Protein backbone atom coordinates (compact mmCIF):
# COMPACT_ATOMS: atom_id res chain seq x y z
CA MET A 1 17.99 0.24 -14.68
CA LYS A 2 16.12 -3.05 -14.42
CA PRO A 3 12.37 -2.85 -13.69
CA THR A 4 11.37 -3.89 -10.18
CA THR A 5 9.11 -6.95 -10.21
CA ILE A 6 7.11 -8.94 -7.70
CA SER A 7 9.75 -11.68 -8.06
CA HIS A 8 12.33 -9.21 -6.75
CA LEU A 9 10.19 -8.46 -3.69
CA ARG A 10 9.73 -12.18 -3.05
CA GLN A 11 13.51 -12.61 -3.13
CA LEU A 12 13.88 -9.81 -0.58
CA LYS A 13 11.34 -11.49 1.71
CA GLU A 14 13.12 -14.82 1.42
CA ALA A 15 16.43 -13.13 2.23
CA GLY A 16 14.95 -11.27 5.19
CA LYS A 17 15.63 -7.87 3.61
CA LYS A 18 13.10 -5.08 4.08
CA PHE A 19 12.02 -2.58 1.43
CA ALA A 20 10.38 0.83 1.38
CA SER A 21 7.52 2.10 -0.76
CA ILE A 22 5.60 5.36 -0.95
CA THR A 23 2.52 6.88 -2.52
CA ALA A 24 3.04 9.02 -5.61
CA TYR A 25 0.57 11.04 -7.60
CA ASP A 26 2.46 12.99 -10.27
CA PHE A 27 5.38 12.92 -12.69
CA SER A 28 7.78 15.15 -10.76
CA PHE A 29 7.62 13.40 -7.41
CA ALA A 30 7.64 9.98 -9.06
CA ARG A 31 10.86 10.89 -10.86
CA LEU A 32 12.40 12.26 -7.66
CA PHE A 33 11.47 9.11 -5.74
CA ALA A 34 12.89 6.89 -8.48
CA ASP A 35 16.11 8.92 -8.63
CA GLU A 36 16.63 8.36 -4.89
CA GLY A 37 16.12 4.61 -5.11
CA MET A 38 12.41 4.08 -4.38
CA LYS A 39 11.51 0.93 -6.29
CA VAL A 40 7.85 0.48 -5.28
CA MET A 41 5.16 3.17 -5.56
CA LEU A 42 1.40 3.28 -5.08
CA VAL A 43 -1.12 5.56 -6.72
CA GLY A 44 -3.47 5.40 -3.76
CA ASP A 45 -7.03 6.56 -3.50
CA SER A 46 -5.55 8.63 -0.67
CA LEU A 47 -5.21 11.21 -3.45
CA GLY A 48 -8.84 12.04 -2.73
CA MET A 49 -7.78 13.59 0.57
CA THR A 50 -4.19 14.65 -0.09
CA VAL A 51 -4.51 16.00 -3.63
CA MET A 52 -8.21 16.65 -4.27
CA GLY A 53 -9.25 17.90 -0.83
CA TYR A 54 -12.09 15.50 -0.07
CA GLU A 55 -12.85 14.39 3.50
CA SER A 56 -12.42 10.71 2.61
CA THR A 57 -11.30 8.46 -0.22
CA LEU A 58 -14.87 7.62 -1.25
CA PRO A 59 -15.37 10.23 -4.03
CA VAL A 60 -12.30 9.04 -5.99
CA THR A 61 -13.06 7.49 -9.38
CA VAL A 62 -11.28 4.99 -11.59
CA GLU A 63 -10.62 7.82 -14.03
CA ASP A 64 -8.90 9.81 -11.26
CA ILE A 65 -6.61 6.88 -10.42
CA ALA A 66 -5.87 6.19 -14.10
CA TRP A 67 -4.90 9.81 -14.77
CA HIS A 68 -2.44 9.89 -11.87
CA THR A 69 -1.15 6.40 -12.67
CA ALA A 70 -0.17 7.49 -16.16
CA ALA A 71 1.66 10.53 -14.77
CA VAL A 72 3.56 8.47 -12.19
CA ARG A 73 4.49 5.85 -14.78
CA ARG A 74 6.04 8.53 -16.97
CA GLY A 75 8.09 9.75 -14.02
CA ALA A 76 9.17 6.30 -12.79
CA PRO A 77 9.23 3.91 -15.74
CA HIS A 78 11.09 1.16 -13.87
CA CYS A 79 9.30 1.08 -10.52
CA LEU A 80 6.79 -1.57 -9.46
CA LEU A 81 3.65 0.54 -9.67
CA LEU A 82 0.48 -0.33 -7.77
CA ALA A 83 -2.83 1.42 -8.36
CA ASP A 84 -5.87 1.40 -6.10
CA LEU A 85 -9.24 0.23 -7.31
CA PRO A 86 -11.37 2.92 -5.65
CA PHE A 87 -14.64 2.65 -3.73
CA MET A 88 -17.33 0.53 -5.44
CA SER A 89 -15.20 -0.07 -8.53
CA TYR A 90 -14.92 -3.82 -7.78
CA ALA A 91 -18.36 -4.65 -6.38
CA THR A 92 -18.49 -7.61 -8.79
CA PRO A 93 -15.67 -9.63 -10.36
CA GLN A 94 -16.65 -8.47 -13.83
CA GLN A 95 -16.63 -4.83 -12.78
CA ALA A 96 -13.23 -5.33 -11.16
CA CYS A 97 -11.80 -6.77 -14.37
CA GLU A 98 -13.08 -3.90 -16.51
CA ASN A 99 -11.74 -1.23 -14.15
CA ALA A 100 -8.46 -3.04 -13.52
CA GLY A 101 -7.91 -3.14 -17.27
CA GLN A 102 -8.16 0.63 -17.40
CA LEU A 103 -5.56 1.03 -14.65
CA MET A 104 -3.18 -1.51 -16.23
CA ARG A 105 -3.43 0.29 -19.57
CA ALA A 106 -2.57 3.52 -17.75
CA GLY A 107 0.70 1.97 -16.57
CA ALA A 108 0.03 0.02 -13.37
CA ASN A 109 1.80 -3.29 -12.76
CA MET A 110 -0.69 -4.38 -10.12
CA VAL A 111 -4.03 -3.31 -8.64
CA LYS A 112 -4.82 -3.07 -4.94
CA LEU A 113 -8.23 -3.73 -3.42
CA GLU A 114 -9.56 -3.58 0.11
CA GLY A 115 -11.36 -6.48 1.72
CA GLY A 116 -11.14 -10.05 2.99
CA ALA A 117 -12.25 -13.50 1.93
CA TRP A 118 -15.31 -12.16 0.08
CA LEU A 119 -12.88 -11.00 -2.61
CA THR A 120 -11.44 -14.43 -3.43
CA GLU A 121 -13.52 -14.90 -6.59
CA THR A 122 -12.50 -11.45 -7.79
CA VAL A 123 -8.82 -12.10 -7.07
CA ARG A 124 -8.95 -15.38 -8.97
CA MET A 125 -10.64 -13.79 -11.96
CA LEU A 126 -8.15 -10.92 -12.09
CA THR A 127 -5.16 -13.23 -11.70
CA ASP A 128 -6.45 -15.59 -14.38
CA ARG A 129 -6.65 -12.60 -16.71
CA ALA A 130 -3.05 -11.49 -16.08
CA VAL A 131 -3.83 -8.74 -13.57
CA PRO A 132 -1.64 -9.07 -10.45
CA VAL A 133 -3.41 -8.26 -7.19
CA CYS A 134 -2.35 -6.69 -3.90
CA GLY A 135 -4.72 -7.23 -0.99
CA HIS A 136 -5.34 -4.67 1.75
CA LEU A 137 -6.46 -5.68 5.26
CA GLY A 138 -6.76 -4.06 8.67
CA LEU A 139 -7.88 -0.46 8.52
CA THR A 140 -9.38 -0.20 5.05
CA PRO A 141 -10.23 3.48 4.48
CA GLN A 142 -13.02 2.73 2.00
CA SER A 143 -14.87 1.10 4.92
CA VAL A 144 -14.63 4.19 7.15
CA ASN A 145 -18.42 4.38 7.50
CA ILE A 146 -18.57 0.75 8.63
CA PHE A 147 -15.74 1.15 11.13
CA GLY A 148 -17.12 4.43 12.44
CA GLY A 149 -13.81 6.20 11.86
CA TYR A 150 -10.15 5.43 11.31
CA LYS A 151 -9.49 2.88 14.06
CA VAL A 152 -6.89 0.21 14.77
CA GLN A 153 -8.13 -3.22 13.67
CA GLY A 154 -7.51 -6.74 14.98
CA ARG A 155 -7.05 -5.85 18.64
CA ASP A 156 -8.95 -8.84 20.08
CA SER A 157 -8.16 -12.49 19.40
CA GLU A 158 -11.30 -13.16 17.36
CA ALA A 159 -10.70 -10.19 15.05
CA ALA A 160 -7.02 -11.11 14.74
CA ASP A 161 -7.83 -14.70 13.78
CA ARG A 162 -10.35 -13.48 11.22
CA LEU A 163 -7.84 -11.09 9.65
CA LEU A 164 -5.21 -13.84 9.41
CA ALA A 165 -7.75 -16.17 7.78
CA ASP A 166 -8.67 -13.44 5.30
CA ALA A 167 -5.01 -12.91 4.42
CA GLN A 168 -4.47 -16.61 3.82
CA ALA A 169 -7.63 -16.84 1.71
CA LEU A 170 -6.50 -13.94 -0.49
CA GLU A 171 -3.07 -15.47 -0.94
CA ALA A 172 -4.62 -18.82 -1.86
CA ALA A 173 -6.79 -17.04 -4.43
CA GLY A 174 -3.72 -15.58 -6.10
CA ALA A 175 -2.87 -12.27 -4.38
CA GLN A 176 0.84 -11.55 -4.74
CA LEU A 177 1.22 -8.72 -2.21
CA MET A 178 -0.56 -7.74 0.99
CA VAL A 179 -0.90 -4.37 2.73
CA LEU A 180 -1.64 -4.36 6.46
CA GLU A 181 -2.82 -1.03 7.85
CA CYS A 182 -3.14 -0.07 11.51
CA VAL A 183 -2.93 -3.43 13.23
CA PRO A 184 -1.04 -4.46 16.39
CA VAL A 185 2.57 -5.49 15.87
CA ALA A 186 1.98 -9.04 17.13
CA LEU A 187 -0.77 -9.59 14.56
CA ALA A 188 1.35 -8.10 11.78
CA GLN A 189 4.10 -10.55 12.67
CA ARG A 190 1.69 -13.50 12.60
CA VAL A 191 0.44 -12.54 9.15
CA THR A 192 3.91 -11.81 7.75
CA GLU A 193 5.23 -15.17 8.93
CA ALA A 194 2.15 -17.08 7.75
CA LEU A 195 2.18 -15.74 4.18
CA THR A 196 4.72 -16.57 1.51
CA ILE A 197 3.91 -13.34 -0.34
CA PRO A 198 5.51 -10.04 0.77
CA VAL A 199 3.58 -8.05 3.36
CA ILE A 200 3.76 -4.23 3.38
CA GLY A 201 2.88 -2.46 6.59
CA ILE A 202 1.56 0.99 7.41
CA GLY A 203 0.98 1.39 11.11
CA ALA A 204 1.84 -2.29 11.57
CA GLY A 205 5.27 -2.05 13.21
CA ASN A 206 8.65 -2.96 11.76
CA VAL A 207 7.96 -6.69 11.49
CA THR A 208 6.50 -6.67 7.98
CA ASP A 209 8.55 -7.26 4.84
CA GLY A 210 8.08 -3.70 3.60
CA GLN A 211 6.68 -0.34 4.62
CA ILE A 212 4.59 2.26 2.85
CA LEU A 213 3.86 5.87 3.73
CA VAL A 214 1.65 8.49 2.18
CA MET A 215 4.19 10.95 0.80
CA HIS A 216 2.51 13.87 2.57
CA ASP A 217 3.00 12.12 5.93
CA ALA A 218 6.67 11.46 5.17
CA PHE A 219 7.23 15.17 4.49
CA GLY A 220 5.11 16.55 7.31
CA ILE A 221 2.62 18.34 5.07
CA THR A 222 -0.46 16.38 6.12
CA GLY A 223 -3.34 18.63 7.09
CA GLY A 224 -5.31 18.00 10.26
CA HIS A 225 -4.78 14.79 12.24
CA ILE A 226 -1.29 13.29 11.96
CA PRO A 227 -1.35 9.46 12.14
CA LYS A 228 0.56 7.83 14.99
CA PHE A 229 2.61 5.82 12.49
CA ALA A 230 3.74 8.88 10.51
CA LYS A 231 7.25 10.31 10.74
CA ASN A 232 8.35 13.66 9.32
CA PHE A 233 11.60 12.76 7.58
CA LEU A 234 11.79 16.20 5.97
CA ALA A 235 11.98 17.91 9.38
CA GLU A 236 15.02 15.80 10.26
CA THR A 237 16.88 16.35 6.99
CA GLY A 238 15.71 19.72 5.67
CA ASP A 239 15.82 18.40 2.10
CA ILE A 240 13.23 16.33 0.22
CA ARG A 241 15.76 14.09 -1.51
CA ALA A 242 17.62 13.46 1.73
CA ALA A 243 14.31 12.73 3.45
CA VAL A 244 13.49 10.04 0.87
CA ARG A 245 16.93 8.48 1.28
CA GLN A 246 16.61 8.49 5.07
CA TYR A 247 13.17 6.91 4.91
CA ILE A 248 14.47 4.11 2.70
CA GLN A 249 17.50 3.57 4.93
CA GLU A 250 15.52 3.45 8.18
CA VAL A 251 13.04 0.97 6.70
CA GLU A 252 15.82 -1.28 5.45
CA GLU A 253 17.51 -1.12 8.87
CA ALA A 254 14.14 -1.72 10.64
CA SER A 255 14.68 1.39 12.78
CA TYR A 256 11.47 2.81 11.31
CA PRO A 257 8.78 2.35 12.33
CA ALA A 258 9.91 2.48 15.95
CA ALA A 259 7.80 1.62 18.98
CA GLU A 260 6.26 5.09 19.10
CA HIS A 261 4.92 4.61 15.57
CA SER A 262 3.36 1.21 16.32
CA PHE A 263 0.28 -0.26 17.99
CA GLN A 264 0.56 -2.89 20.70
């Protein structure tokens, strides 16, 4: 099996073909996802809530992400593997480089960081040092205390314009992927069409180039509040492997996310 690369995702975007991705945190699920055709995975700082039981992503450390990244890499040696730089691990460009190096050595192909145009110097420094970068805009969970909760972003025209400008600034600085979380469909479409790099949505409608779900949401085992954009594929199929295949198929067909999973 050929490794999935960012060039492959760019080709899919250019061809108008959508792709699915999912969070993974351990060897066994990573291998299962890879076996069923999942080519892009993320070791997200969401593990703080889904795996470690914290109330937010803020307590997660670089060492936590590195440990899980190594496990996922062993389970899915050919996937395109993203790893989150957790809260306050990229406060300066130099700090970002040191911590990104640890995640790349653990097996990541790319690091993901949350934030807008203020990160351009960091993105340039990482890219110049052979560390590919995925941006993350919209609802950025590390900023939960700034936002006052997990809220849809970019609803008014000023906020939408600012988000689009941030996305373009990150791309110009060298970002090669972009995640958009919890934004209105119309804004997600503007950003996806404006960028030449692939855009992955979560709670951003079916207009982005790709989709990502936290694996616990995809299987209906999320505790507490269930996000509007989540769909329990396991409930529909009764089998984890079939659920993964259905998720991939519905993303590729653009039938998921449907209107009920999206924000207008």
